[in-house]
Full PDB file with SEQRES, HELIX, SHEET, SSBOND, CRYST1, ORIGX, SCALE, CONECT and MASTER records, all heavy atoms in Angstrom:
SEQRES   1 A   35  TRP GLY LYS TYR GLN PHE PHE LEU PHE LEU ALA THR THR          
SEQRES   2 A   35  TRP PHE ILE ASN SER LEU VAL GLN ALA PHE PHE MET PRO          
SEQRES   3 A   35  ASN ALA GLU GLU PHE SER GLU LEU ILE                          
HELIX    1 AA1 LYS A    3  PHE A   23  1                                  21    
HELIX    2 AA2 MET A   25  LEU A   34  1                                  10    
CRYST1    1.000    1.000    1.000  90.00  90.00  90.00 P 1           1          
ORIGX1      1.000000  0.000000  0.000000        0.00000                         
ORIGX2      0.000000  1.000000  0.000000        0.00000                         
ORIGX3      0.000000  0.000000  1.000000        0.00000                         
SCALE1      1.000000  0.000000  0.000000        0.00000                         
SCALE2      0.000000  1.000000  0.000000        0.00000                         
SCALE3      0.000000  0.000000  1.000000        0.00000                         
ATOM      1  N   TRP A   1       0.845  -1.177  -0.024  1.00  0.00           N  
ATOM      2  CA  TRP A   1      -0.033   0.022  -0.003  1.00  0.00           C  
ATOM      3  C   TRP A   1       0.832   1.226  -0.006  1.00  0.00           C  
ATOM      4  O   TRP A   1       1.083   1.878   0.988  1.00  0.00           O  
ATOM      5  CB  TRP A   1      -0.925   0.042   1.190  1.00  0.00           C  
ATOM      6  CG  TRP A   1      -1.956  -1.081   1.130  1.00  0.00           C  
ATOM      7  CD1 TRP A   1      -1.992  -2.238   1.892  1.00  0.00           C  
ATOM      8  CD2 TRP A   1      -3.109  -1.129   0.242  1.00  0.00           C  
ATOM      9  NE1 TRP A   1      -3.120  -2.955   1.496  1.00  0.00           N  
ATOM     10  CE2 TRP A   1      -3.779  -2.324   0.537  1.00  0.00           C  
ATOM     11  CE3 TRP A   1      -3.591  -0.269  -0.706  1.00  0.00           C  
ATOM     12  CZ2 TRP A   1      -4.934  -2.704  -0.122  1.00  0.00           C  
ATOM     13  CZ3 TRP A   1      -4.744  -0.629  -1.404  1.00  0.00           C  
ATOM     14  CH2 TRP A   1      -5.405  -1.851  -1.139  1.00  0.00           C  
ATOM     15  N   GLY A   2       1.412   1.563  -1.193  1.00  0.00           N  
ATOM     16  CA  GLY A   2       2.190   2.756  -1.385  1.00  0.00           C  
ATOM     17  C   GLY A   2       1.313   3.960  -1.418  1.00  0.00           C  
ATOM     18  O   GLY A   2       0.080   3.882  -1.237  1.00  0.00           O  
ATOM     19  N   LYS A   3       1.847   5.097  -1.791  1.00  0.00           N  
ATOM     20  CA  LYS A   3       1.122   6.370  -1.745  1.00  0.00           C  
ATOM     21  C   LYS A   3      -0.121   6.329  -2.648  1.00  0.00           C  
ATOM     22  O   LYS A   3      -1.216   6.612  -2.189  1.00  0.00           O  
ATOM     23  CB  LYS A   3       2.042   7.466  -2.191  1.00  0.00           C  
ATOM     24  CG  LYS A   3       1.369   8.887  -2.260  1.00  0.00           C  
ATOM     25  CD  LYS A   3       2.423   9.937  -2.688  1.00  0.00           C  
ATOM     26  CE  LYS A   3       1.791  11.279  -2.819  1.00  0.00           C  
ATOM     27  NZ  LYS A   3       2.735  12.323  -3.204  1.00  0.00           N  
ATOM     28  N   TYR A   4       0.093   5.976  -3.897  1.00  0.00           N  
ATOM     29  CA  TYR A   4      -1.102   6.037  -4.827  1.00  0.00           C  
ATOM     30  C   TYR A   4      -2.009   4.857  -4.652  1.00  0.00           C  
ATOM     31  O   TYR A   4      -3.215   5.011  -4.877  1.00  0.00           O  
ATOM     32  CB  TYR A   4      -0.533   6.134  -6.240  1.00  0.00           C  
ATOM     33  CG  TYR A   4       0.253   7.422  -6.484  1.00  0.00           C  
ATOM     34  CD1 TYR A   4       1.617   7.330  -6.651  1.00  0.00           C  
ATOM     35  CD2 TYR A   4      -0.346   8.647  -6.446  1.00  0.00           C  
ATOM     36  CE1 TYR A   4       2.379   8.465  -6.844  1.00  0.00           C  
ATOM     37  CE2 TYR A   4       0.387   9.775  -6.662  1.00  0.00           C  
ATOM     38  CZ  TYR A   4       1.746   9.732  -6.828  1.00  0.00           C  
ATOM     39  OH  TYR A   4       2.513  10.832  -7.012  1.00  0.00           O  
ATOM     40  N   GLN A   5      -1.528   3.723  -4.227  1.00  0.00           N  
ATOM     41  CA  GLN A   5      -2.412   2.642  -3.918  1.00  0.00           C  
ATOM     42  C   GLN A   5      -3.336   2.985  -2.728  1.00  0.00           C  
ATOM     43  O   GLN A   5      -4.524   2.712  -2.752  1.00  0.00           O  
ATOM     44  CB  GLN A   5      -1.616   1.388  -3.552  1.00  0.00           C  
ATOM     45  CG  GLN A   5      -0.931   0.724  -4.728  1.00  0.00           C  
ATOM     46  CD  GLN A   5       0.501   1.173  -4.849  1.00  0.00           C  
ATOM     47  OE1 GLN A   5       0.872   2.279  -4.431  1.00  0.00           O  
ATOM     48  NE2 GLN A   5       1.343   0.341  -5.498  1.00  0.00           N  
ATOM     49  N   PHE A   6      -2.718   3.678  -1.756  1.00  0.00           N  
ATOM     50  CA  PHE A   6      -3.549   4.042  -0.590  1.00  0.00           C  
ATOM     51  C   PHE A   6      -4.517   5.109  -0.931  1.00  0.00           C  
ATOM     52  O   PHE A   6      -5.686   5.089  -0.457  1.00  0.00           O  
ATOM     53  CB  PHE A   6      -2.672   4.500   0.547  1.00  0.00           C  
ATOM     54  CG  PHE A   6      -3.426   4.877   1.808  1.00  0.00           C  
ATOM     55  CD1 PHE A   6      -3.961   3.907   2.629  1.00  0.00           C  
ATOM     56  CD2 PHE A   6      -3.651   6.242   2.087  1.00  0.00           C  
ATOM     57  CE1 PHE A   6      -4.678   4.224   3.722  1.00  0.00           C  
ATOM     58  CE2 PHE A   6      -4.383   6.551   3.221  1.00  0.00           C  
ATOM     59  CZ  PHE A   6      -4.909   5.577   4.045  1.00  0.00           C  
ATOM     60  N   PHE A   7      -4.168   6.088  -1.820  1.00  0.00           N  
ATOM     61  CA  PHE A   7      -5.166   7.109  -2.218  1.00  0.00           C  
ATOM     62  C   PHE A   7      -6.290   6.457  -3.023  1.00  0.00           C  
ATOM     63  O   PHE A   7      -7.445   6.983  -2.959  1.00  0.00           O  
ATOM     64  CB  PHE A   7      -4.462   8.274  -2.892  1.00  0.00           C  
ATOM     65  CG  PHE A   7      -3.825   9.208  -1.949  1.00  0.00           C  
ATOM     66  CD1 PHE A   7      -2.462   9.434  -1.997  1.00  0.00           C  
ATOM     67  CD2 PHE A   7      -4.564   9.930  -1.050  1.00  0.00           C  
ATOM     68  CE1 PHE A   7      -1.850  10.319  -1.106  1.00  0.00           C  
ATOM     69  CE2 PHE A   7      -3.989  10.777  -0.153  1.00  0.00           C  
ATOM     70  CZ  PHE A   7      -2.616  11.050  -0.197  1.00  0.00           C  
ATOM     71  N   LEU A   8      -6.000   5.469  -3.749  1.00  0.00           N  
ATOM     72  CA  LEU A   8      -7.046   4.718  -4.489  1.00  0.00           C  
ATOM     73  C   LEU A   8      -7.968   4.071  -3.431  1.00  0.00           C  
ATOM     74  O   LEU A   8      -9.188   4.034  -3.572  1.00  0.00           O  
ATOM     75  CB  LEU A   8      -6.472   3.710  -5.417  1.00  0.00           C  
ATOM     76  CG  LEU A   8      -7.385   2.919  -6.351  1.00  0.00           C  
ATOM     77  CD1 LEU A   8      -6.647   2.558  -7.641  1.00  0.00           C  
ATOM     78  CD2 LEU A   8      -7.949   1.693  -5.734  1.00  0.00           C  
ATOM     79  N   PHE A   9      -7.337   3.477  -2.421  1.00  0.00           N  
ATOM     80  CA  PHE A   9      -8.081   2.886  -1.329  1.00  0.00           C  
ATOM     81  C   PHE A   9      -8.984   3.959  -0.632  1.00  0.00           C  
ATOM     82  O   PHE A   9     -10.176   3.703  -0.368  1.00  0.00           O  
ATOM     83  CB  PHE A   9      -7.148   2.286  -0.275  1.00  0.00           C  
ATOM     84  CG  PHE A   9      -7.760   1.578   0.842  1.00  0.00           C  
ATOM     85  CD1 PHE A   9      -7.808   0.160   0.839  1.00  0.00           C  
ATOM     86  CD2 PHE A   9      -8.295   2.248   1.922  1.00  0.00           C  
ATOM     87  CE1 PHE A   9      -8.373  -0.521   1.874  1.00  0.00           C  
ATOM     88  CE2 PHE A   9      -8.864   1.528   2.962  1.00  0.00           C  
ATOM     89  CZ  PHE A   9      -8.915   0.147   2.974  1.00  0.00           C  
ATOM     90  N   LEU A  10      -8.437   5.119  -0.434  1.00  0.00           N  
ATOM     91  CA  LEU A  10      -9.180   6.176   0.243  1.00  0.00           C  
ATOM     92  C   LEU A  10     -10.358   6.672  -0.621  1.00  0.00           C  
ATOM     93  O   LEU A  10     -11.460   6.917  -0.112  1.00  0.00           O  
ATOM     94  CB  LEU A  10      -8.248   7.371   0.503  1.00  0.00           C  
ATOM     95  CG  LEU A  10      -8.574   8.302   1.655  1.00  0.00           C  
ATOM     96  CD1 LEU A  10      -8.688   7.609   2.958  1.00  0.00           C  
ATOM     97  CD2 LEU A  10      -7.517   9.425   1.750  1.00  0.00           C  
ATOM     98  N   ALA A  11     -10.133   6.735  -1.959  1.00  0.00           N  
ATOM     99  CA  ALA A  11     -11.205   7.082  -2.863  1.00  0.00           C  
ATOM    100  C   ALA A  11     -12.397   6.094  -2.798  1.00  0.00           C  
ATOM    101  O   ALA A  11     -13.527   6.445  -2.828  1.00  0.00           O  
ATOM    102  CB  ALA A  11     -10.718   7.212  -4.267  1.00  0.00           C  
ATOM    103  N   THR A  12     -12.027   4.820  -2.664  1.00  0.00           N  
ATOM    104  CA  THR A  12     -12.988   3.761  -2.551  1.00  0.00           C  
ATOM    105  C   THR A  12     -13.831   3.943  -1.283  1.00  0.00           C  
ATOM    106  O   THR A  12     -15.040   3.733  -1.292  1.00  0.00           O  
ATOM    107  CB  THR A  12     -12.381   2.339  -2.589  1.00  0.00           C  
ATOM    108  OG1 THR A  12     -11.544   2.240  -3.721  1.00  0.00           O  
ATOM    109  CG2 THR A  12     -13.395   1.250  -2.620  1.00  0.00           C  
ATOM    110  N   THR A  13     -13.144   4.308  -0.190  1.00  0.00           N  
ATOM    111  CA  THR A  13     -13.859   4.566   1.074  1.00  0.00           C  
ATOM    112  C   THR A  13     -14.867   5.692   0.882  1.00  0.00           C  
ATOM    113  O   THR A  13     -16.000   5.586   1.379  1.00  0.00           O  
ATOM    114  CB  THR A  13     -12.817   4.947   2.130  1.00  0.00           C  
ATOM    115  OG1 THR A  13     -11.827   3.899   2.302  1.00  0.00           O  
ATOM    116  CG2 THR A  13     -13.449   5.165   3.499  1.00  0.00           C  
ATOM    117  N   TRP A  14     -14.466   6.732   0.207  1.00  0.00           N  
ATOM    118  CA  TRP A  14     -15.388   7.896   0.004  1.00  0.00           C  
ATOM    119  C   TRP A  14     -16.583   7.474  -0.881  1.00  0.00           C  
ATOM    120  O   TRP A  14     -17.689   7.966  -0.630  1.00  0.00           O  
ATOM    121  CB  TRP A  14     -14.625   9.084  -0.579  1.00  0.00           C  
ATOM    122  CG  TRP A  14     -13.598   9.645   0.312  1.00  0.00           C  
ATOM    123  CD1 TRP A  14     -13.610   9.624   1.669  1.00  0.00           C  
ATOM    124  CD2 TRP A  14     -12.425  10.349  -0.043  1.00  0.00           C  
ATOM    125  NE1 TRP A  14     -12.504  10.290   2.194  1.00  0.00           N  
ATOM    126  CE2 TRP A  14     -11.777  10.742   1.138  1.00  0.00           C  
ATOM    127  CE3 TRP A  14     -11.867  10.729  -1.271  1.00  0.00           C  
ATOM    128  CZ2 TRP A  14     -10.547  11.415   1.132  1.00  0.00           C  
ATOM    129  CZ3 TRP A  14     -10.671  11.428  -1.272  1.00  0.00           C  
ATOM    130  CH2 TRP A  14     -10.020  11.724  -0.099  1.00  0.00           C  
ATOM    131  N   PHE A  15     -16.381   6.666  -1.862  1.00  0.00           N  
ATOM    132  CA  PHE A  15     -17.451   6.207  -2.742  1.00  0.00           C  
ATOM    133  C   PHE A  15     -18.522   5.528  -1.832  1.00  0.00           C  
ATOM    134  O   PHE A  15     -19.682   5.854  -1.864  1.00  0.00           O  
ATOM    135  CB  PHE A  15     -16.978   5.219  -3.744  1.00  0.00           C  
ATOM    136  CG  PHE A  15     -16.155   5.835  -4.866  1.00  0.00           C  
ATOM    137  CD1 PHE A  15     -15.228   5.110  -5.573  1.00  0.00           C  
ATOM    138  CD2 PHE A  15     -16.334   7.156  -5.240  1.00  0.00           C  
ATOM    139  CE1 PHE A  15     -14.496   5.700  -6.608  1.00  0.00           C  
ATOM    140  CE2 PHE A  15     -15.641   7.735  -6.269  1.00  0.00           C  
ATOM    141  CZ  PHE A  15     -14.691   7.032  -6.968  1.00  0.00           C  
ATOM    142  N   ILE A  16     -18.070   4.563  -1.086  1.00  0.00           N  
ATOM    143  CA  ILE A  16     -18.994   3.722  -0.288  1.00  0.00           C  
ATOM    144  C   ILE A  16     -19.681   4.558   0.787  1.00  0.00           C  
ATOM    145  O   ILE A  16     -20.883   4.510   0.949  1.00  0.00           O  
ATOM    146  CB  ILE A  16     -18.317   2.472   0.254  1.00  0.00           C  
ATOM    147  CG1 ILE A  16     -17.801   1.611  -0.885  1.00  0.00           C  
ATOM    148  CG2 ILE A  16     -19.185   1.720   1.194  1.00  0.00           C  
ATOM    149  CD1 ILE A  16     -16.954   0.409  -0.490  1.00  0.00           C  
ATOM    150  N   ASN A  17     -18.872   5.282   1.526  1.00  0.00           N  
ATOM    151  CA  ASN A  17     -19.457   6.085   2.644  1.00  0.00           C  
ATOM    152  C   ASN A  17     -20.386   7.143   2.175  1.00  0.00           C  
ATOM    153  O   ASN A  17     -21.435   7.403   2.778  1.00  0.00           O  
ATOM    154  CB  ASN A  17     -18.317   6.688   3.489  1.00  0.00           C  
ATOM    155  CG  ASN A  17     -17.663   5.668   4.376  1.00  0.00           C  
ATOM    156  OD1 ASN A  17     -18.076   4.543   4.462  1.00  0.00           O  
ATOM    157  ND2 ASN A  17     -16.533   6.096   4.951  1.00  0.00           N  
ATOM    158  N   SER A  18     -20.030   7.821   1.047  1.00  0.00           N  
ATOM    159  CA  SER A  18     -20.937   8.899   0.536  1.00  0.00           C  
ATOM    160  C   SER A  18     -22.253   8.369   0.041  1.00  0.00           C  
ATOM    161  O   SER A  18     -23.339   8.948   0.279  1.00  0.00           O  
ATOM    162  CB  SER A  18     -20.215   9.699  -0.576  1.00  0.00           C  
ATOM    163  OG  SER A  18     -19.998   8.878  -1.704  1.00  0.00           O  
ATOM    164  N   LEU A  19     -22.246   7.188  -0.593  1.00  0.00           N  
ATOM    165  CA  LEU A  19     -23.466   6.552  -1.063  1.00  0.00           C  
ATOM    166  C   LEU A  19     -24.344   6.152   0.133  1.00  0.00           C  
ATOM    167  O   LEU A  19     -25.611   6.391   0.125  1.00  0.00           O  
ATOM    168  CB  LEU A  19     -23.172   5.380  -1.940  1.00  0.00           C  
ATOM    169  CG  LEU A  19     -22.608   5.672  -3.297  1.00  0.00           C  
ATOM    170  CD1 LEU A  19     -22.201   4.390  -3.981  1.00  0.00           C  
ATOM    171  CD2 LEU A  19     -23.579   6.425  -4.176  1.00  0.00           C  
ATOM    172  N   VAL A  20     -23.743   5.574   1.175  1.00  0.00           N  
ATOM    173  CA  VAL A  20     -24.532   5.185   2.294  1.00  0.00           C  
ATOM    174  C   VAL A  20     -25.079   6.380   3.070  1.00  0.00           C  
ATOM    175  O   VAL A  20     -26.196   6.422   3.472  1.00  0.00           O  
ATOM    176  CB  VAL A  20     -23.630   4.317   3.286  1.00  0.00           C  
ATOM    177  CG1 VAL A  20     -24.360   4.030   4.587  1.00  0.00           C  
ATOM    178  CG2 VAL A  20     -23.294   2.958   2.579  1.00  0.00           C  
ATOM    179  N   GLN A  21     -24.219   7.440   3.225  1.00  0.00           N  
ATOM    180  CA  GLN A  21     -24.681   8.602   3.943  1.00  0.00           C  
ATOM    181  C   GLN A  21     -25.717   9.394   3.155  1.00  0.00           C  
ATOM    182  O   GLN A  21     -26.543  10.089   3.739  1.00  0.00           O  
ATOM    183  CB  GLN A  21     -23.444   9.483   4.247  1.00  0.00           C  
ATOM    184  CG  GLN A  21     -22.545   8.887   5.319  1.00  0.00           C  
ATOM    185  CD  GLN A  21     -21.227   9.643   5.507  1.00  0.00           C  
ATOM    186  OE1 GLN A  21     -21.105  10.716   4.874  1.00  0.00           O  
ATOM    187  NE2 GLN A  21     -20.385   9.131   6.356  1.00  0.00           N  
ATOM    188  N   ALA A  22     -25.677   9.338   1.840  1.00  0.00           N  
ATOM    189  CA  ALA A  22     -26.630  10.058   1.004  1.00  0.00           C  
ATOM    190  C   ALA A  22     -27.995   9.381   1.024  1.00  0.00           C  
ATOM    191  O   ALA A  22     -29.036  10.028   1.157  1.00  0.00           O  
ATOM    192  CB  ALA A  22     -26.107  10.217  -0.409  1.00  0.00           C  
ATOM    193  N   PHE A  23     -28.021   8.031   0.849  1.00  0.00           N  
ATOM    194  CA  PHE A  23     -29.259   7.328   0.634  1.00  0.00           C  
ATOM    195  C   PHE A  23     -29.847   6.694   1.874  1.00  0.00           C  
ATOM    196  O   PHE A  23     -31.007   6.512   1.988  1.00  0.00           O  
ATOM    197  CB  PHE A  23     -29.084   6.260  -0.436  1.00  0.00           C  
ATOM    198  CG  PHE A  23     -28.757   6.872  -1.806  1.00  0.00           C  
ATOM    199  CD1 PHE A  23     -27.524   6.788  -2.346  1.00  0.00           C  
ATOM    200  CD2 PHE A  23     -29.785   7.518  -2.557  1.00  0.00           C  
ATOM    201  CE1 PHE A  23     -27.216   7.369  -3.585  1.00  0.00           C  
ATOM    202  CE2 PHE A  23     -29.504   8.052  -3.758  1.00  0.00           C  
ATOM    203  CZ  PHE A  23     -28.246   7.993  -4.276  1.00  0.00           C  
ATOM    204  N   PHE A  24     -28.994   6.357   2.844  1.00  0.00           N  
ATOM    205  CA  PHE A  24     -29.493   5.535   3.986  1.00  0.00           C  
ATOM    206  C   PHE A  24     -29.390   6.270   5.355  1.00  0.00           C  
ATOM    207  O   PHE A  24     -30.260   6.119   6.169  1.00  0.00           O  
ATOM    208  CB  PHE A  24     -28.765   4.222   4.054  1.00  0.00           C  
ATOM    209  CG  PHE A  24     -28.770   3.444   2.771  1.00  0.00           C  
ATOM    210  CD1 PHE A  24     -27.625   3.014   2.175  1.00  0.00           C  
ATOM    211  CD2 PHE A  24     -29.966   3.195   2.062  1.00  0.00           C  
ATOM    212  CE1 PHE A  24     -27.658   2.342   0.972  1.00  0.00           C  
ATOM    213  CE2 PHE A  24     -30.010   2.502   0.919  1.00  0.00           C  
ATOM    214  CZ  PHE A  24     -28.836   2.057   0.318  1.00  0.00           C  
ATOM    215  N   MET A  25     -28.281   6.969   5.581  1.00  0.00           N  
ATOM    216  CA  MET A  25     -28.106   7.578   6.887  1.00  0.00           C  
ATOM    217  C   MET A  25     -29.219   8.518   7.284  1.00  0.00           C  
ATOM    218  O   MET A  25     -29.753   8.461   8.478  1.00  0.00           O  
ATOM    219  CB  MET A  25     -26.754   8.329   6.920  1.00  0.00           C  
ATOM    220  CG  MET A  25     -26.463   9.048   8.210  1.00  0.00           C  
ATOM    221  SD  MET A  25     -26.495   7.950   9.721  1.00  0.00           S  
ATOM    222  CE  MET A  25     -24.835   7.250   9.530  1.00  0.00           C  
ATOM    223  N   PRO A  26     -29.732   9.499   6.444  1.00  0.00           N  
ATOM    224  CA  PRO A  26     -30.796  10.328   6.835  1.00  0.00           C  
ATOM    225  C   PRO A  26     -32.036   9.614   7.273  1.00  0.00           C  
ATOM    226  O   PRO A  26     -32.742   9.951   8.292  1.00  0.00           O  
ATOM    227  CB  PRO A  26     -31.061  11.176   5.602  1.00  0.00           C  
ATOM    228  CG  PRO A  26     -29.839  11.107   4.779  1.00  0.00           C  
ATOM    229  CD  PRO A  26     -29.340   9.686   5.023  1.00  0.00           C  
ATOM    230  N   ASN A  27     -32.397   8.503   6.590  1.00  0.00           N  
ATOM    231  CA  ASN A  27     -33.555   7.708   6.902  1.00  0.00           C  
ATOM    232  C   ASN A  27     -33.342   6.935   8.215  1.00  0.00           C  
ATOM    233  O   ASN A  27     -34.279   6.826   9.023  1.00  0.00           O  
ATOM    234  CB  ASN A  27     -33.895   6.819   5.749  1.00  0.00           C  
ATOM    235  CG  ASN A  27     -34.112   7.599   4.472  1.00  0.00           C  
ATOM    236  OD1 ASN A  27     -34.957   8.382   4.401  1.00  0.00           O  
ATOM    237  ND2 ASN A  27     -33.280   7.306   3.482  1.00  0.00           N  
ATOM    238  N   ALA A  28     -32.143   6.395   8.364  1.00  0.00           N  
ATOM    239  CA  ALA A  28     -31.862   5.639   9.616  1.00  0.00           C  
ATOM    240  C   ALA A  28     -31.927   6.506  10.844  1.00  0.00           C  
ATOM    241  O   ALA A  28     -32.415   6.149  11.886  1.00  0.00           O  
ATOM    242  CB  ALA A  28     -30.487   4.958   9.509  1.00  0.00           C  
ATOM    243  N   GLU A  29     -31.393   7.742  10.706  1.00  0.00           N  
ATOM    244  CA  GLU A  29     -31.406   8.655  11.818  1.00  0.00           C  
ATOM    245  C   GLU A  29     -32.811   9.097  12.225  1.00  0.00           C  
ATOM    246  O   GLU A  29     -33.113   9.401  13.388  1.00  0.00           O  
ATOM    247  CB  GLU A  29     -30.577   9.900  11.468  1.00  0.00           C  
ATOM    248  CG  GLU A  29     -29.095   9.696  11.434  1.00  0.00           C  
ATOM    249  CD  GLU A  29     -28.335  10.924  11.199  1.00  0.00           C  
ATOM    250  OE1 GLU A  29     -28.728  11.714  10.271  1.00  0.00           O  
ATOM    251  OE2 GLU A  29     -27.277  11.196  11.841  1.00  0.00           O  
ATOM    252  N   GLU A  30     -33.698   9.111  11.215  1.00  0.00           N  
ATOM    253  CA  GLU A  30     -35.085   9.576  11.500  1.00  0.00           C  
ATOM    254  C   GLU A  30     -36.043   8.444  11.939  1.00  0.00           C  
ATOM    255  O   GLU A  30     -37.190   8.723  12.247  1.00  0.00           O  
ATOM    256  CB  GLU A  30     -35.657  10.290  10.243  1.00  0.00           C  
ATOM    257  CG  GLU A  30     -35.014  11.599   9.967  1.00  0.00           C  
ATOM    258  CD  GLU A  30     -35.577  12.284   8.749  1.00  0.00           C  
ATOM    259  OE1 GLU A  30     -36.478  11.681   8.133  1.00  0.00           O  
ATOM    260  OE2 GLU A  30     -35.146  13.374   8.403  1.00  0.00           O  
ATOM    261  N   PHE A  31     -35.562   7.203  11.863  1.00  0.00           N  
ATOM    262  CA  PHE A  31     -36.412   6.087  12.184  1.00  0.00           C  
ATOM    263  C   PHE A  31     -36.919   6.120  13.591  1.00  0.00           C  
ATOM    264  O   PHE A  31     -38.135   5.868  13.795  1.00  0.00           O  
ATOM    265  CB  PHE A  31     -35.642   4.792  11.897  1.00  0.00           C  
ATOM    266  CG  PHE A  31     -36.514   3.560  11.976  1.00  0.00           C  
ATOM    267  CD1 PHE A  31     -37.695   3.504  11.208  1.00  0.00           C  
ATOM    268  CD2 PHE A  31     -36.213   2.473  12.767  1.00  0.00           C  
ATOM    269  CE1 PHE A  31     -38.531   2.391  11.276  1.00  0.00           C  
ATOM    270  CE2 PHE A  31     -36.999   1.327  12.809  1.00  0.00           C  
ATOM    271  CZ  PHE A  31     -38.195   1.323  12.078  1.00  0.00           C  
ATOM    272  N   SER A  32     -36.063   6.449  14.575  1.00  0.00           N  
ATOM    273  CA  SER A  32     -36.574   6.517  15.946  1.00  0.00           C  
ATOM    274  C   SER A  32     -37.561   7.621  16.115  1.00  0.00           C  
ATOM    275  O   SER A  32     -38.493   7.505  16.947  1.00  0.00           O  
ATOM    276  CB  SER A  32     -35.376   6.726  16.924  1.00  0.00           C  
ATOM    277  OG  SER A  32     -34.706   7.967  16.659  1.00  0.00           O  
ATOM    278  N   GLU A  33     -37.429   8.683  15.356  1.00  0.00           N  
ATOM    279  CA  GLU A  33     -38.429   9.770  15.423  1.00  0.00           C  
ATOM    280  C   GLU A  33     -39.776   9.352  14.869  1.00  0.00           C  
ATOM    281  O   GLU A  33     -40.814   9.730  15.393  1.00  0.00           O  
ATOM    282  CB  GLU A  33     -37.871  10.960  14.646  1.00  0.00           C  
ATOM    283  CG  GLU A  33     -38.367  12.343  15.049  1.00  0.00           C  
ATOM    284  CD  GLU A  33     -38.140  12.703  16.486  1.00  0.00           C  
ATOM    285  OE1 GLU A  33     -37.244  12.114  17.104  1.00  0.00           O  
ATOM    286  OE2 GLU A  33     -38.835  13.573  16.995  1.00  0.00           O  
ATOM    287  N   LEU A  34     -39.692   8.513  13.802  1.00  0.00           N  
ATOM    288  CA  LEU A  34     -40.999   7.943  13.287  1.00  0.00           C  
ATOM    289  C   LEU A  34     -41.707   7.109  14.308  1.00  0.00           C  
ATOM    290  O   LEU A  34     -42.953   7.121  14.431  1.00  0.00           O  
ATOM    291  CB  LEU A  34     -40.707   7.090  12.046  1.00  0.00           C  
ATOM    292  CG  LEU A  34     -40.302   7.842  10.752  1.00  0.00           C  
ATOM    293  CD1 LEU A  34     -39.997   6.830   9.656  1.00  0.00           C  
ATOM    294  CD2 LEU A  34     -41.447   8.796  10.320  1.00  0.00           C  
ATOM    295  N   ILE A  35     -40.973   6.374  15.103  1.00  0.00           N  
ATOM    296  CA  ILE A  35     -41.516   5.545  16.153  1.00  0.00           C  
ATOM    297  C   ILE A  35     -42.112   6.410  17.257  1.00  0.00           C  
ATOM    298  O   ILE A  35     -43.233   6.184  17.711  1.00  0.00           O  
ATOM    299  CB  ILE A  35     -40.465   4.592  16.735  1.00  0.00           C  
ATOM    300  CG1 ILE A  35     -39.949   3.692  15.628  1.00  0.00           C  
ATOM    301  CG2 ILE A  35     -41.014   3.800  17.872  1.00  0.00           C  
ATOM    302  CD1 ILE A  35     -38.757   2.849  16.055  1.00  0.00           C  
TER     303      ILE A  35                                                      
MASTER        0    0    0    2    0    0    0    6  302    1    0    3          
END                                                                             
């Protein structure tokens, strides 16, 4: 995991986390409020 391999790894982290935070996190946070 050299410099550019790790930054590729980091970009993959942002892809996955941003998709989850965009589509699922807001709804998961509001679920208890719905209850």
